[in-house]
């Protein structure tokens, strides 16, 4: 009887752990935080700008041949139009506005991996291609203790698992997420991608990034839906790294473009 009870307890433990780690499906919905209607930010899934995994090209205008980019050896099989996630902020970083993309279906997850493909050659520090700063594009990960953790494009530094002349596949594993303050047993409350660094932020001074194949624990999403109109009343997950008041008012915030991912700020409460 004791052995049977022990085995039952172990089975429950294994099942509960599996539920916490599992991500069977999640969605990425775009929107904008623009409370004063500056119309200087944009977040949108667009056809034809993603990283082609099982694509095709035509060299004669009549026939096609298979085409794949080595920067994305795997992809979202449901994406049939090579969609990519456009995130843009025009003008000054100090403008309180941001492009955002909210991940749904991740609540309760214990993170082992986060990542995305970014349209950029060379390395994350390269001035060419999409903007990849310490503050944007970044994951805002809110854990169940209501603490927001920031995982910026180059802070903490991600591992490049695939690369080409046009794309980088960036991955943050458990050790790198721990460096961002996310404990290995912490459960997720919300995850939001925030882009709030404008054209005055170097080294590219571009104010724009194209992402694809958003990764949560190895599950890839390369397409999504767009919100209707500007999102001026979000859930606070786009809050400013430097000013928690932007998050506390229930809105998506602005990161003020600081290229330092200060650990002191990573403990800000929602």
Protein backbone atom coordinates (compact mmCIF):
# COMPACT_ATOMS: atom_id res chain seq x y z
CA UNK A 1 0.00 0.00 0.00
CA UNK A 2 2.83 2.40 0.85
CA UNK A 3 4.54 1.65 -2.45
CA UNK A 4 1.29 2.24 -4.34
CA UNK A 5 0.79 5.58 -2.55
CA UNK A 6 4.37 6.61 -3.31
CA UNK A 7 4.02 5.77 -6.99
CA UNK A 8 0.75 7.69 -7.21
CA UNK A 9 2.38 10.73 -5.61
CA UNK A 10 5.29 10.56 -8.03
CA UNK A 11 2.88 10.33 -10.98
CA UNK A 12 1.03 13.42 -9.78
CA UNK A 13 4.33 15.28 -9.40
CA UNK A 14 5.46 14.35 -12.90
CA UNK A 15 2.13 15.32 -14.43
CA UNK A 16 1.99 18.66 -12.62
CA UNK A 17 5.55 19.45 -13.64
CA UNK A 18 4.75 18.58 -17.25
CA UNK A 19 1.79 20.94 -17.26
CA UNK A 20 3.95 23.78 -15.96
CA UNK A 21 6.59 23.28 -18.64
CA UNK A 22 4.33 22.49 -21.57
CA UNK A 23 3.46 25.06 -24.23
CA UNK A 24 1.27 23.32 -26.76
CA UNK A 25 0.03 26.47 -28.50
CA UNK A 26 0.30 30.22 -28.04
CA UNK A 27 -0.74 33.27 -30.03
CA UNK A 28 0.96 36.61 -30.67
CA UNK A 29 -1.42 39.55 -30.95
CA UNK A 30 -0.06 42.93 -32.01
CA UNK A 31 -1.02 46.39 -30.82
CA UNK A 32 0.28 49.87 -30.08
CA UNK A 33 0.53 51.83 -26.86
CA UNK A 34 0.02 55.42 -28.00
CA UNK A 35 -2.00 57.26 -25.34
CA UNK A 36 -1.70 60.71 -26.97
CA UNK A 37 -2.22 59.49 -30.57
CA UNK A 38 1.19 60.45 -31.91
CA UNK A 39 0.84 57.78 -34.64
CA UNK A 40 4.58 57.16 -34.49
CA UNK A 41 4.53 53.46 -33.54
CA UNK A 42 3.41 50.36 -35.41
CA UNK A 43 3.15 46.65 -34.68
CA UNK A 44 1.84 44.35 -37.40
CA UNK A 45 2.13 40.85 -38.83
CA UNK A 46 2.79 41.31 -42.56
CA UNK A 47 3.02 38.81 -45.42
CA UNK A 48 6.32 38.39 -47.19
CA UNK A 49 8.71 39.87 -44.62
CA UNK A 50 9.39 36.79 -42.49
CA UNK A 51 12.22 34.28 -42.62
CA UNK A 52 11.41 31.64 -45.29
CA UNK A 53 11.83 28.07 -44.07
CA UNK A 54 9.89 26.24 -46.78
CA UNK A 55 9.56 29.03 -49.33
CA UNK A 56 9.94 29.23 -53.08
CA UNK A 57 11.37 31.64 -55.64
CA UNK A 58 10.96 32.14 -59.39
CA UNK A 59 13.92 32.96 -61.61
CA UNK A 60 11.89 33.12 -64.83
CA UNK A 61 8.53 34.45 -63.67
CA UNK A 62 6.69 31.23 -64.55
CA UNK A 63 8.17 28.36 -62.58
CA UNK A 64 9.29 28.13 -58.96
CA UNK A 65 12.02 26.35 -57.07
CA UNK A 66 12.28 25.69 -53.33
CA UNK A 67 13.90 28.39 -51.25
CA UNK A 68 14.95 28.38 -47.61
CA UNK A 69 17.02 30.76 -45.50
CA UNK A 70 19.63 29.04 -43.29
CA UNK A 71 18.87 31.60 -40.59
CA UNK A 72 15.58 29.78 -39.89
CA UNK A 73 16.09 26.02 -40.32
CA UNK A 74 12.71 25.40 -38.66
CA UNK A 75 9.57 27.50 -38.59
CA UNK A 76 5.86 27.74 -37.91
CA UNK A 77 4.21 25.27 -40.28
CA UNK A 78 0.89 27.16 -40.07
CA UNK A 79 2.49 30.25 -41.64
CA UNK A 80 1.75 29.81 -45.34
CA UNK A 81 2.45 33.41 -46.44
CA UNK A 82 5.86 33.96 -44.85
CA UNK A 83 4.60 36.45 -42.31
CA UNK A 84 6.92 38.53 -40.18
CA UNK A 85 6.33 40.76 -37.17
CA UNK A 86 7.05 44.43 -37.94
CA UNK A 87 7.83 46.61 -34.90
CA UNK A 88 8.58 50.29 -35.47
CA UNK A 89 8.99 53.52 -33.54
CA UNK A 90 9.47 56.70 -35.55
CA UNK A 91 11.28 59.70 -34.12
CA UNK A 92 12.45 60.14 -30.55
CA UNK A 93 12.78 57.36 -28.01
CA UNK A 94 11.49 59.71 -25.33
CA UNK A 95 8.04 59.76 -26.91
CA UNK A 96 5.73 57.83 -24.57
CA UNK A 97 4.58 55.30 -27.12
CA UNK A 98 5.56 51.75 -28.05
CA UNK A 99 4.83 48.93 -30.45
CA UNK A 100 3.79 45.79 -28.60
CA UNK A 101 2.89 42.16 -29.19
CA UNK A 102 1.18 40.16 -26.47
CA UNK A 103 1.62 36.40 -26.12
CA UNK A 104 -1.49 34.52 -25.02
CA UNK A 105 -1.60 30.90 -23.90
CA UNK A 106 1.60 31.08 -21.83
CA UNK A 107 0.18 31.59 -18.34
CA UNK A 108 1.53 29.07 -15.84
CA UNK A 109 4.47 28.12 -18.04
CA UNK A 110 7.90 27.54 -16.52
CA UNK A 111 10.32 28.97 -19.04
CA UNK A 112 13.22 26.95 -20.34
CA UNK A 113 13.71 28.96 -23.53
CA UNK A 114 12.68 32.24 -25.16
CA UNK A 115 13.67 33.53 -28.55
CA UNK A 116 12.91 34.82 -32.02
CA UNK A 117 14.43 35.21 -35.46
CA UNK A 118 15.48 38.78 -36.22
CA UNK A 119 16.09 40.19 -39.69
CA UNK A 120 19.71 41.20 -39.21
CA UNK A 121 23.11 40.14 -40.59
CA UNK A 122 26.36 39.56 -38.74
CA UNK A 123 25.61 39.71 -35.03
CA UNK A 124 23.25 41.29 -32.54
CA UNK A 125 25.73 44.17 -32.19
CA UNK A 126 25.91 44.82 -35.96
CA UNK A 127 24.69 48.28 -36.97
CA UNK A 128 23.06 46.84 -40.08
CA UNK A 129 19.54 45.49 -40.25
CA UNK A 130 16.91 45.52 -37.53
CA UNK A 131 17.46 47.44 -34.33
CA UNK A 132 18.69 45.12 -31.58
CA UNK A 133 19.30 47.07 -28.39
CA UNK A 134 19.41 46.24 -24.71
CA UNK A 135 15.92 47.67 -24.36
CA UNK A 136 14.19 46.82 -27.64
CA UNK A 137 12.87 44.61 -28.94
CA UNK A 138 12.52 43.00 -25.52
CA UNK A 139 10.41 40.43 -23.74
CA UNK A 140 8.61 41.77 -20.69
CA UNK A 141 8.05 38.64 -18.63
CA UNK A 142 5.73 39.03 -15.64
CA UNK A 143 5.96 36.09 -13.25
CA UNK A 144 3.23 34.94 -10.88
CA UNK A 145 4.73 37.06 -8.07
CA UNK A 146 3.89 40.14 -10.20
CA UNK A 147 7.55 40.99 -10.85
CA UNK A 148 8.43 42.14 -14.39
CA UNK A 149 11.67 40.83 -15.90
CA UNK A 150 13.30 42.32 -19.01
CA UNK A 151 14.96 40.18 -21.68
CA UNK A 152 16.41 42.61 -24.22
CA UNK A 153 17.66 41.80 -27.69
CA UNK A 154 21.28 42.07 -26.58
CA UNK A 155 20.96 42.08 -22.78
CA UNK A 156 21.37 39.49 -21.47
CA UNK A 157 23.26 38.28 -24.52
CA UNK A 158 21.45 35.54 -26.39
CA UNK A 159 22.92 32.48 -28.07
CA UNK A 160 22.89 32.61 -31.87
CA UNK A 161 21.75 29.14 -32.92
CA UNK A 162 21.46 29.85 -36.67
CA UNK A 163 22.57 32.70 -38.93
CA UNK A 164 22.59 33.86 -42.54
CA UNK A 165 23.27 37.05 -44.48
CA UNK A 166 19.81 38.25 -43.52
CA UNK A 167 18.68 36.57 -40.29
CA UNK A 168 19.81 35.63 -36.79
CA UNK A 169 18.11 33.04 -34.59
CA UNK A 170 18.44 34.23 -30.98
CA UNK A 171 17.77 31.99 -27.99
CA UNK A 172 17.76 32.66 -24.26
CA UNK A 173 18.03 29.44 -22.26
CA UNK A 174 17.41 28.89 -18.55
CA UNK A 175 20.84 30.23 -17.54
CA UNK A 176 20.39 33.41 -19.57
CA UNK A 177 16.84 33.87 -18.29
CA UNK A 178 18.17 33.48 -14.76
CA UNK A 179 20.55 36.35 -15.51
CA UNK A 180 17.43 38.40 -16.26
CA UNK A 181 16.05 37.48 -12.84
CA UNK A 182 13.68 34.71 -13.96
CA UNK A 183 14.06 31.83 -11.52
CA UNK A 184 14.18 28.32 -12.96
CA UNK A 185 10.96 27.40 -11.14
CA UNK A 186 9.10 30.69 -11.73
CA UNK A 187 5.74 30.43 -13.46
CA UNK A 188 4.73 32.95 -16.10
CA UNK A 189 1.80 35.31 -15.68
CA UNK A 190 2.19 37.27 -18.94
CA UNK A 191 4.73 37.80 -21.72
CA UNK A 192 4.79 40.86 -23.98
CA UNK A 193 7.24 41.91 -26.71
CA UNK A 194 7.88 45.66 -26.48
CA UNK A 195 9.58 47.95 -28.99
CA UNK A 196 10.08 51.49 -27.68
CA UNK A 197 13.49 52.68 -28.92
CA UNK A 198 13.32 55.24 -31.71
CA UNK A 199 15.56 56.58 -34.41
CA UNK A 200 17.77 58.47 -31.97
CA UNK A 201 19.05 55.19 -30.47
CA UNK A 202 22.21 53.71 -31.98
CA UNK A 203 24.13 52.03 -33.31
CA UNK A 204 21.67 51.69 -36.20
CA UNK A 205 19.42 54.73 -35.57
CA UNK A 206 16.73 52.87 -37.46
CA UNK A 207 13.87 52.53 -34.98
CA UNK A 208 12.55 49.35 -36.59
CA UNK A 209 12.85 45.58 -36.25
CA UNK A 210 11.42 42.59 -38.11
CA UNK A 211 10.96 39.39 -36.08
CA UNK A 212 9.69 35.93 -36.91
CA UNK A 213 9.20 32.53 -35.26
CA UNK A 214 8.61 33.71 -31.71
CA UNK A 215 9.85 30.88 -29.48
CA UNK A 216 8.51 29.79 -26.09
CA UNK A 217 10.09 26.57 -24.82
CA UNK A 218 10.77 25.39 -28.36
CA UNK A 219 7.26 26.08 -29.68
CA UNK A 220 7.38 28.51 -32.63
CA UNK A 221 4.73 31.01 -33.69
CA UNK A 222 5.33 32.84 -36.97
CA UNK A 223 1.96 34.45 -37.53
CA UNK A 224 -0.70 36.16 -35.47
CA UNK A 225 -3.51 38.67 -35.35
CA UNK A 226 -3.57 42.43 -35.06
CA UNK A 227 -5.50 44.51 -32.59
CA UNK A 228 -8.07 47.01 -33.84
CA UNK A 229 -6.78 50.57 -33.45
CA UNK A 230 -4.16 51.89 -31.06
CA UNK A 231 -3.97 50.15 -27.72
CA UNK A 232 -3.93 52.97 -25.21
CA UNK A 233 -5.36 50.91 -22.38
CA UNK A 234 -3.30 47.76 -22.19
CA UNK A 235 -2.52 45.53 -19.26
CA UNK A 236 0.69 47.23 -18.22
CA UNK A 237 3.08 44.65 -19.65
CA UNK A 238 4.71 47.18 -21.94
CA UNK A 239 5.79 49.32 -19.04
CA UNK A 240 8.85 51.49 -18.95
CA UNK A 241 12.04 49.86 -17.71
CA UNK A 242 13.02 53.08 -15.99
CA UNK A 243 9.69 54.40 -14.71
CA UNK A 244 7.37 51.86 -13.16
CA UNK A 245 4.59 54.45 -13.04
CA UNK A 246 4.00 53.86 -16.75
CA UNK A 247 3.17 50.27 -15.88
CA UNK A 248 1.12 51.04 -12.79
CA UNK A 249 -1.39 53.16 -14.70
CA UNK A 250 -2.59 50.10 -16.60
CA UNK A 251 -1.00 51.16 -19.88
CA UNK A 252 1.78 49.93 -22.10
CA UNK A 253 4.82 52.04 -21.28
CA UNK A 254 7.82 53.55 -22.96
CA UNK A 255 11.34 52.35 -22.33
CA UNK A 256 13.01 55.72 -22.94
CA UNK A 257 15.59 53.96 -25.11
CA UNK A 258 18.20 53.32 -22.45
CA UNK A 259 20.71 50.83 -23.82
CA UNK A 260 21.51 49.54 -20.37
CA UNK A 261 19.44 46.72 -18.97
CA UNK A 262 19.94 47.65 -15.34
CA UNK A 263 19.35 44.76 -13.02
CA UNK A 264 18.07 47.21 -10.44
CA UNK A 265 15.04 47.81 -12.62
CA UNK A 266 14.21 44.19 -13.13
CA UNK A 267 12.39 43.93 -9.84
CA UNK A 268 9.77 46.56 -10.60
CA UNK A 269 6.32 45.44 -9.61
CA UNK A 270 3.36 45.71 -11.90
